[in-house]
Every structure is written in C-alpha cells, then in structure tokens.
C-alpha cells in the first residue's frame, strides 16, 4: 500500500484542488446528485467536471483503503482480497490475449495499479488514459517507484474524446471506469475507433441488474447512494451496455456477471458484519476509525475543511454497494469481451 500513513492521507485530500477550496468543491459535487436535488441530465452534461471533482476529493481515501487498484473482484474461498484483485486483473489480460510488446490502452486507469500489474504480467506496453491530473501525478510517481516507467505511461484526456489516431492499439480494457461516461455508446465508439481491426476490448462494468426495479423506492435509494458515493452520472443496465457495444460496431464474444456466482460476496470487505485484518481499513470498524481520524485531522487543520463530508458520502456509497449486492440489483463486475471486426473502420 503506497500511502499508508494518516498524514499522507491528510496531505492528499482534495487532490489538485486548493486546500481552501475543498469545502466549496464538496458543495458543488453534492449538488449534482439526486440526494441533494440534482438531476441526471445535469450530471451527464457536466460529467467531466463532476468526475474530476470526485477523484480529486476521494483518491487519497481510495489509496488509503484499497491500495493502488480501486476495484472489486470475483473471489474464491480462502483467497485474500489482494490475491483476488490481482487474479481479476490477470484474467482480463488473458482474455485479451496480451503478448510482449503489444500496445495496450487502459481506459480510466486511476493511479495505475491494474496498469502496472497487467504490464508486469503480460510484458505488454500499457498506456493509462485519465482525465484527473492528481491521479496521473500519483500514477507517474508509483510507476517510478515500481520501475515500470518504460513499459507504462499516462495520457491526460477525456475518454469521450481520445487524442489518438484511428487503429492505434492492439488491445483496450477498462476496469470499473467507463461507468463514469455520460453515454456508453459514445465512449465505446471512441474505444472502437482507436482499437486496431480484429483486436479486442474487455471490461468490467458497474451495472444495475435485471432484478433492479426502477419503480421500487428502496432500489432507487440504493442506486442514488452508489451514484453520489462513486461519481456516477447514471448506472446503466447490463443489457444497455451490450446494446451500446453492438451499436458502436463491436462483435460481443461473450459476457457474464461475475458477481452472480462469486463464492465470496464481492461486497464482503465493506459489509458491517465482516472483519478482516488484511483489509481492515475497508471494514466498518476500519472506516469508523478513518472517519474519526479525518475529523480530528480537519479539526487541527492538517486536513482541509470538507474532508469529513467526503468521508460521509463515501460511507453512504459503501452502504449502497452492500445493499445493492445483497439484493442482487447491482454488480461492479459485469464482464464482456468484444472484438472489432477485421474490416472495422470509421
């Protein structure tokens, strides 16, 4: 875990936002969401600003709790959370058939934990695309520490408007990232454009499942909590993702919700009934300690004003994710493998 200390957490809070502006950034971010009177169309229209503010505000918390890979994983009994996360990433690389020397794109790469793991596992060259300057700064430093500077790089850009020529990459993947896109078709179409003909795109998507009832108020509340706690304009249904892939021109090779048959519930690390020393900071007790620690750091001025409110909406997200998982109305790991036809062009 790269940023283990409380003072590291405090100094990273707010990302690139001026420390005196963190509180107003929290106010603006919250107003995008339905819990505070926001509208879905406003979130979609302002997705870049909303997602950037979100990751400036939460990246330090994520790194403090999760380490460098900010995602869930299908998990076997007897397997640690970290082991399952690595296997989840290796599985993606194997599905793409990555080979040494290939040029690969990680769409929405965070601070690059999966990027570094997949590059080391496959010996491919991986470029991480991210629109958040703070995460890119952190990612470059972590690449340097890991000694993968030559194989791994970052590009600051919007995945709805990628700065790459057509047919640039041998493979593309996304891990719990394209859910931030305001329009799945537009995002997938850009991925289709930069991918070489005959090559593959694989992803783990955040989705509402077929069990989600849009008219059920409890389901609506859970969905809204996940959206505000995770910087999402909207959460699509699994079928909407597949339809968007086909509209973008992809052939869908196969798809599966890995959450549906995970031997260990994917949301277990966040469940209040669960305790683990290896993933202690993610447990309810660990999150409570973090909350009180942030409160104290903010009180003495080491953390910027508004930090505790960030922790509050992350806690709301944790509750929504657990309930969404228990009721099987939400999945963070709807997997698909899609191919750009050999004759694919724009």
Protein backbone atom coordinates (compact mmCIF):
# COMPACT_ATOMS: atom_id res chain seq x y z
CA UNK A 1 0.00 0.00 0.00
CA UNK A 2 1.65 3.16 -1.21
CA UNK A 3 0.16 5.84 1.06
CA UNK A 4 -0.22 4.18 4.42
CA UNK A 5 0.00 6.99 6.92
CA UNK A 6 -2.61 9.34 8.35
CA UNK A 7 -0.54 12.40 7.44
CA UNK A 8 -0.19 11.12 3.85
CA UNK A 9 -3.96 10.81 3.73
CA UNK A 10 -4.39 14.34 5.08
CA UNK A 11 -1.93 15.96 2.67
CA UNK A 12 -3.51 14.19 -0.31
CA UNK A 13 -7.09 15.17 0.49
CA UNK A 14 -8.52 17.42 -2.20
CA UNK A 15 -6.02 16.34 -4.84
CA UNK A 16 -5.18 19.29 -7.09
CA UNK A 17 -7.94 21.44 -5.59
CA UNK A 18 -6.57 24.28 -3.48
CA UNK A 19 -6.97 23.24 0.16
CA UNK A 20 -9.05 26.34 0.87
CA UNK A 21 -11.44 25.39 -1.93
CA UNK A 22 -12.15 21.79 -0.90
CA UNK A 23 -15.32 22.63 1.03
CA UNK A 24 -16.85 24.54 -1.88
CA UNK A 25 -15.85 21.68 -4.23
CA UNK A 26 -17.73 19.25 -1.97
CA UNK A 27 -20.77 21.54 -2.08
CA UNK A 28 -20.70 21.70 -5.86
CA UNK A 29 -20.15 17.95 -6.26
CA UNK A 30 -23.03 17.07 -3.95
CA UNK A 31 -25.42 19.38 -5.80
CA UNK A 32 -25.03 17.26 -8.93
CA UNK A 33 -26.75 14.33 -7.20
CA UNK A 34 -30.37 13.41 -6.63
CA UNK A 35 -29.86 13.08 -2.86
CA UNK A 36 -29.30 16.84 -2.86
CA UNK A 37 -31.79 17.82 -5.56
CA UNK A 38 -29.55 17.30 -8.61
CA UNK A 39 -30.75 15.94 -11.96
CA UNK A 40 -29.39 13.12 -14.10
CA UNK A 41 -29.17 15.32 -17.21
CA UNK A 42 -27.09 17.90 -15.34
CA UNK A 43 -24.70 15.18 -14.21
CA UNK A 44 -24.35 13.90 -17.77
CA UNK A 45 -23.86 17.39 -19.22
CA UNK A 46 -21.18 18.19 -16.61
CA UNK A 47 -19.71 14.70 -16.24
CA UNK A 48 -16.09 15.82 -16.77
CA UNK A 49 -16.23 18.44 -14.01
CA UNK A 50 -18.21 16.15 -11.71
CA UNK A 51 -15.88 13.16 -12.11
CA UNK A 52 -12.76 15.32 -11.81
CA UNK A 53 -14.00 16.85 -8.56
CA UNK A 54 -14.94 13.40 -7.31
CA UNK A 55 -11.46 11.93 -7.87
CA UNK A 56 -9.67 14.99 -6.52
CA UNK A 57 -11.74 14.59 -3.36
CA UNK A 58 -11.59 10.81 -2.91
CA UNK A 59 -8.34 9.47 -4.40
CA UNK A 60 -6.42 9.83 -1.14
CA UNK A 61 -9.18 7.91 0.68
CA UNK A 62 -9.16 5.21 -2.00
CA UNK A 63 -5.41 4.76 -1.85
CA UNK A 64 -5.50 4.72 1.95
CA UNK A 65 -8.14 1.97 1.99
CA UNK A 66 -7.67 -0.03 -1.23
CA UNK A 67 -4.03 0.42 -2.15
CA UNK A 68 -3.33 1.11 -5.83
CA UNK A 69 -6.14 -0.88 -7.51
CA UNK A 70 -9.52 0.73 -6.92
CA UNK A 71 -11.86 -2.13 -7.82
CA UNK A 72 -13.73 -5.17 -6.56
CA UNK A 73 -13.10 -8.76 -7.66
CA UNK A 74 -14.68 -12.18 -8.06
CA UNK A 75 -13.24 -14.05 -5.08
CA UNK A 76 -12.69 -17.69 -4.18
CA UNK A 77 -12.89 -19.08 -0.65
CA UNK A 78 -9.51 -18.96 1.08
CA UNK A 79 -8.34 -16.19 -1.23
CA UNK A 80 -7.37 -12.80 0.20
CA UNK A 81 -8.85 -9.60 -1.23
CA UNK A 82 -5.48 -8.58 -2.68
CA UNK A 83 -5.00 -12.00 -4.29
CA UNK A 84 -8.44 -11.83 -5.85
CA UNK A 85 -7.78 -8.34 -7.22
CA UNK A 86 -4.57 -9.48 -8.89
CA UNK A 87 -6.26 -12.56 -10.37
CA UNK A 88 -9.13 -10.35 -11.60
CA UNK A 89 -6.56 -8.24 -13.49
CA UNK A 90 -4.65 -11.25 -14.82
CA UNK A 91 -7.90 -12.76 -16.09
CA UNK A 92 -8.53 -9.62 -18.14
CA UNK A 93 -5.06 -9.80 -19.67
CA UNK A 94 -5.56 -13.46 -20.57
CA UNK A 95 -8.95 -12.79 -22.19
CA UNK A 96 -7.34 -10.11 -24.34
CA UNK A 97 -4.53 -12.50 -25.28
CA UNK A 98 -1.88 -9.90 -24.46
CA UNK A 99 1.62 -10.56 -25.76
CA UNK A 100 5.02 -8.97 -25.09
CA UNK A 101 5.49 -5.71 -26.93
CA UNK A 102 1.82 -5.08 -27.71
CA UNK A 103 0.44 -1.57 -27.30
CA UNK A 104 -2.46 -1.59 -24.83
CA UNK A 105 -4.81 1.13 -23.58
CA UNK A 106 -6.25 1.25 -20.04
CA UNK A 107 -9.34 3.48 -20.20
CA UNK A 108 -9.91 5.32 -16.91
CA UNK A 109 -6.77 3.97 -15.24
CA UNK A 110 -6.92 5.60 -11.79
CA UNK A 111 -3.45 5.76 -10.23
CA UNK A 112 -2.41 2.80 -12.36
CA UNK A 113 -2.48 -0.23 -10.06
CA UNK A 114 -4.04 -2.55 -12.71
CA UNK A 115 -1.90 -0.97 -15.42
CA UNK A 116 1.33 -1.87 -13.62
CA UNK A 117 0.12 -5.35 -12.71
CA UNK A 118 -1.02 -6.16 -16.26
CA UNK A 119 2.18 -4.77 -17.79
CA UNK A 120 4.31 -6.94 -15.50
CA UNK A 121 2.08 -9.98 -16.07
CA UNK A 122 1.97 -9.73 -19.88
CA UNK A 123 5.13 -7.76 -20.79
CA UNK A 124 2.88 -5.52 -22.91
CA UNK A 125 3.28 -1.75 -23.08
CA UNK A 126 0.30 -0.12 -21.33
CA UNK A 127 -0.88 3.47 -21.65
CA UNK A 128 -3.26 4.73 -18.98
CA UNK A 129 -5.84 7.31 -20.03
CA UNK A 130 -7.20 9.50 -17.25
CA UNK A 131 -8.73 12.97 -17.10
CA UNK A 132 -7.71 13.66 -13.49
CA UNK A 133 -4.38 15.44 -13.11
CA UNK A 134 -3.87 14.43 -9.48
CA UNK A 135 -4.26 10.72 -10.23
CA UNK A 136 -1.85 10.98 -13.16
CA UNK A 137 0.73 12.72 -10.95
CA UNK A 138 0.36 9.94 -8.37
CA UNK A 139 0.48 7.26 -11.08
CA UNK A 140 3.72 8.56 -12.57
CA UNK A 141 5.35 8.55 -9.15
CA UNK A 142 4.14 4.99 -8.48
CA UNK A 143 5.44 3.90 -11.91
CA UNK A 144 8.83 5.33 -10.99
CA UNK A 145 8.84 3.53 -7.64
CA UNK A 146 7.83 0.24 -9.30
CA UNK A 147 10.45 0.66 -12.05
CA UNK A 148 7.99 0.32 -14.92
CA UNK A 149 8.47 3.78 -16.46
CA UNK A 150 9.49 2.36 -19.84
CA UNK A 151 6.53 -0.02 -20.15
CA UNK A 152 3.82 2.17 -18.60
CA UNK A 153 2.76 5.73 -19.33
CA UNK A 154 -0.16 8.10 -18.79
CA UNK A 155 -2.15 10.44 -21.01
CA UNK A 156 -4.44 13.14 -19.56
CA UNK A 157 -7.57 13.11 -21.68
CA UNK A 158 -11.33 12.62 -21.76
CA UNK A 159 -12.29 9.09 -22.84
CA UNK A 160 -15.17 10.58 -24.83
CA UNK A 161 -12.60 12.45 -26.99
CA UNK A 162 -9.36 10.46 -27.09
CA UNK A 163 -6.23 12.13 -28.53
CA UNK A 164 -5.17 9.06 -30.52
CA UNK A 165 -5.22 8.23 -34.23
CA UNK A 166 -7.57 5.57 -35.55
CA UNK A 167 -6.40 1.94 -35.19
CA UNK A 168 -3.64 2.71 -32.66
CA UNK A 169 -3.93 -0.02 -30.01
CA UNK A 170 -3.56 -3.82 -30.06
CA UNK A 171 -5.99 -4.15 -27.14
CA UNK A 172 -8.12 -1.95 -24.88
CA UNK A 173 -9.53 -2.63 -21.42
CA UNK A 174 -11.46 -0.78 -18.74
CA UNK A 175 -11.92 -1.77 -15.11
CA UNK A 176 -14.94 -0.20 -13.37
CA UNK A 177 -14.22 3.07 -15.21
CA UNK A 178 -16.45 3.60 -18.25
CA UNK A 179 -19.44 3.68 -15.89
CA UNK A 180 -18.42 7.36 -15.49
CA UNK A 181 -19.23 8.02 -19.16
CA UNK A 182 -22.39 10.08 -19.73
CA UNK A 183 -23.14 7.96 -22.80
CA UNK A 184 -22.00 4.34 -23.17
CA UNK A 185 -22.33 4.35 -26.96
CA UNK A 186 -20.16 7.46 -27.32
CA UNK A 187 -17.47 6.01 -25.06
CA UNK A 188 -17.47 2.59 -26.73
CA UNK A 189 -17.40 4.23 -30.18
CA UNK A 190 -14.20 6.07 -29.25
CA UNK A 191 -12.67 2.82 -27.99
CA UNK A 192 -13.71 1.14 -31.26
CA UNK A 193 -12.03 3.94 -33.24
CA UNK A 194 -8.62 3.69 -31.54
CA UNK A 195 -8.56 -0.14 -31.48
CA UNK A 196 -6.93 -1.97 -34.41
CA UNK A 197 -9.26 -4.09 -36.61
CA UNK A 198 -9.57 -7.69 -35.46
CA UNK A 199 -8.49 -6.83 -31.90
CA UNK A 200 -10.29 -6.99 -28.55
CA UNK A 201 -11.85 -4.74 -25.93
CA UNK A 202 -12.62 -6.18 -22.48
CA UNK A 203 -14.18 -4.53 -19.46
CA UNK A 204 -15.69 -4.90 -16.02
CA UNK A 205 -18.71 -2.56 -15.90
CA UNK A 206 -20.77 -1.23 -13.00
CA UNK A 207 -24.40 -2.01 -13.82
CA UNK A 208 -27.86 -2.42 -12.40
CA UNK A 209 -29.01 -6.00 -12.99
CA UNK A 210 -32.30 -7.28 -14.35
CA UNK A 211 -33.50 -7.55 -10.73
CA UNK A 212 -33.45 -3.76 -10.39
CA UNK A 213 -36.94 -2.26 -10.30
CA UNK A 214 -36.89 1.46 -11.26
CA UNK A 215 -40.27 1.90 -9.57
CA UNK A 216 -39.10 0.46 -6.24
CA UNK A 217 -38.22 3.34 -3.87
CA UNK A 218 -35.71 1.27 -1.93
CA UNK A 219 -33.98 0.29 -5.18
CA UNK A 220 -33.98 3.97 -6.24
CA UNK A 221 -32.35 4.98 -2.93
CA UNK A 222 -29.63 2.34 -3.27
CA UNK A 223 -28.88 3.43 -6.82
CA UNK A 224 -28.70 7.11 -5.79
CA UNK A 225 -26.34 6.32 -2.89
CA UNK A 226 -23.98 4.46 -5.22
CA UNK A 227 -24.08 7.31 -7.74
CA UNK A 228 -23.19 10.06 -5.26
CA UNK A 229 -20.61 7.95 -3.45
CA UNK A 230 -18.86 6.88 -6.64
CA UNK A 231 -19.06 9.86 -9.00
CA UNK A 232 -21.54 8.38 -11.48
CA UNK A 233 -23.93 10.31 -13.74
CA UNK A 234 -26.20 7.26 -14.03
CA UNK A 235 -25.88 3.48 -13.68
CA UNK A 236 -26.86 1.55 -16.78
CA UNK A 237 -28.50 -1.85 -17.04
CA UNK A 238 -26.34 -4.74 -18.27
CA UNK A 239 -28.41 -5.02 -21.44
CA UNK A 240 -27.85 -1.35 -22.23
CA UNK A 241 -24.08 -1.91 -22.22
CA UNK A 242 -24.35 -4.80 -24.68
CA UNK A 243 -26.64 -2.84 -26.96
CA UNK A 244 -24.24 0.13 -26.90
CA UNK A 245 -21.31 -2.15 -27.81
CA UNK A 246 -23.20 -3.52 -30.81
CA UNK A 247 -24.25 -0.05 -31.93
CA UNK A 248 -20.62 1.05 -31.75
CA UNK A 249 -19.71 -1.76 -34.16
CA UNK A 250 -18.30 -4.42 -31.84
CA UNK A 251 -18.93 -8.14 -32.02
CA UNK A 252 -19.70 -9.34 -28.49
CA UNK A 253 -17.75 -12.56 -27.97
CA UNK A 254 -19.12 -13.33 -24.52
CA UNK A 255 -20.45 -11.63 -21.41
CA UNK A 256 -21.09 -12.64 -17.82
CA UNK A 257 -21.92 -11.11 -14.45
CA UNK A 258 -19.14 -12.50 -12.25
CA UNK A 259 -20.85 -11.15 -9.14
CA UNK A 260 -23.69 -13.65 -9.63
CA UNK A 261 -21.50 -16.65 -8.84
CA UNK A 262 -18.67 -15.29 -6.72
CA UNK A 263 -18.10 -17.86 -3.91
CA UNK A 264 -17.25 -14.98 -1.56
CA UNK A 265 -19.63 -11.99 -1.92
CA UNK A 266 -17.82 -9.19 -3.77
CA UNK A 267 -19.13 -6.63 -1.24
CA UNK A 268 -17.87 -8.56 1.81
CA UNK A 269 -14.95 -6.17 2.55
CA UNK A 270 -17.49 -3.35 3.11
CA UNK A 271 -20.11 -5.39 5.00
CA UNK A 272 -20.65 -4.33 8.61
CA UNK A 273 -20.80 -7.99 9.67
CA UNK A 274 -17.34 -8.70 8.25
CA UNK A 275 -13.98 -8.31 9.98
CA UNK A 276 -10.57 -8.79 8.38
CA UNK A 277 -7.08 -7.79 9.43
CA UNK A 278 -5.75 -7.94 5.86
CA UNK A 279 -8.35 -5.46 4.57
CA UNK A 280 -9.06 -3.77 7.92
CA UNK A 281 -9.39 -0.23 6.58
CA UNK A 282 -12.31 -1.27 4.37
CA UNK A 283 -14.28 -2.88 7.20
CA UNK A 284 -16.97 -0.99 9.13
CA UNK A 285 -14.66 -0.66 12.14
CA UNK A 286 -11.78 0.48 9.95
CA UNK A 287 -13.98 3.04 8.20
CA UNK A 288 -15.21 4.34 11.58
CA UNK A 289 -11.62 4.79 12.75
CA UNK A 290 -10.78 6.58 9.48
CA UNK A 291 -13.84 8.82 9.90
CA UNK A 292 -12.80 9.86 13.42
CA UNK A 293 -9.19 10.29 12.31
CA UNK A 294 -10.24 12.58 9.44
CA UNK A 295 -12.48 14.53 11.81
CA UNK A 296 -9.52 15.09 14.13
CA UNK A 297 -7.16 15.99 11.26
CA UNK A 298 -9.67 18.50 9.93
CA UNK A 299 -10.20 19.96 13.42
CA UNK A 300 -6.47 20.64 13.93
CA UNK A 301 -6.09 21.98 10.38
CA UNK A 302 -3.97 19.19 8.89
CA UNK A 303 -6.82 18.14 6.58
CA UNK A 304 -8.79 20.77 4.62
CA UNK A 305 -12.32 21.77 5.64
CA UNK A 306 -14.83 19.49 3.92
CA UNK A 307 -12.72 16.33 4.29
CA UNK A 308 -15.15 14.75 6.75
CA UNK A 309 -18.04 15.32 4.33
CA UNK A 310 -16.11 13.40 1.66
CA UNK A 311 -15.77 10.52 4.10
CA UNK A 312 -19.52 10.79 4.76
CA UNK A 313 -20.56 10.32 1.14
CA UNK A 314 -18.04 7.51 0.72
CA UNK A 315 -19.70 5.81 3.71
CA UNK A 316 -23.06 6.33 2.02
CA UNK A 317 -21.62 4.65 -1.07
CA UNK A 318 -20.40 1.68 0.98
CA UNK A 319 -23.88 1.20 2.43
CA UNK A 320 -25.48 1.42 -1.02
CA UNK A 321 -22.99 -1.02 -2.53
CA UNK A 322 -23.55 -3.60 0.21
CA UNK A 323 -27.34 -3.34 -0.06
CA UNK A 324 -27.18 -3.41 -3.86
CA UNK A 325 -25.06 -6.55 -3.67
CA UNK A 326 -27.25 -8.28 -1.09
CA UNK A 327 -30.40 -7.62 -3.11
CA UNK A 328 -28.56 -8.58 -6.32
CA UNK A 329 -29.74 -5.42 -8.07
CA UNK A 330 -26.22 -4.07 -8.68
CA UNK A 331 -22.95 -5.55 -9.94
CA UNK A 332 -19.48 -3.96 -10.20
CA UNK A 333 -18.16 -6.76 -12.40
CA UNK A 334 -20.36 -7.26 -15.42
CA UNK A 335 -17.69 -8.61 -17.77
CA UNK A 336 -17.68 -8.58 -21.54
CA UNK A 337 -15.18 -9.38 -24.27
CA UNK A 338 -15.82 -7.66 -27.60
CA UNK A 339 -13.99 -7.68 -30.93
CA UNK A 340 -13.60 -5.02 -33.57
CA UNK A 341 -14.26 -6.78 -36.90
CA UNK A 342 -11.26 -7.30 -39.16
CA UNK A 343 -12.86 -4.99 -41.70
CA UNK A 344 -13.76 -2.43 -38.98
CA UNK A 345 -13.25 1.20 -39.90
CA UNK A 346 -14.75 4.59 -39.26
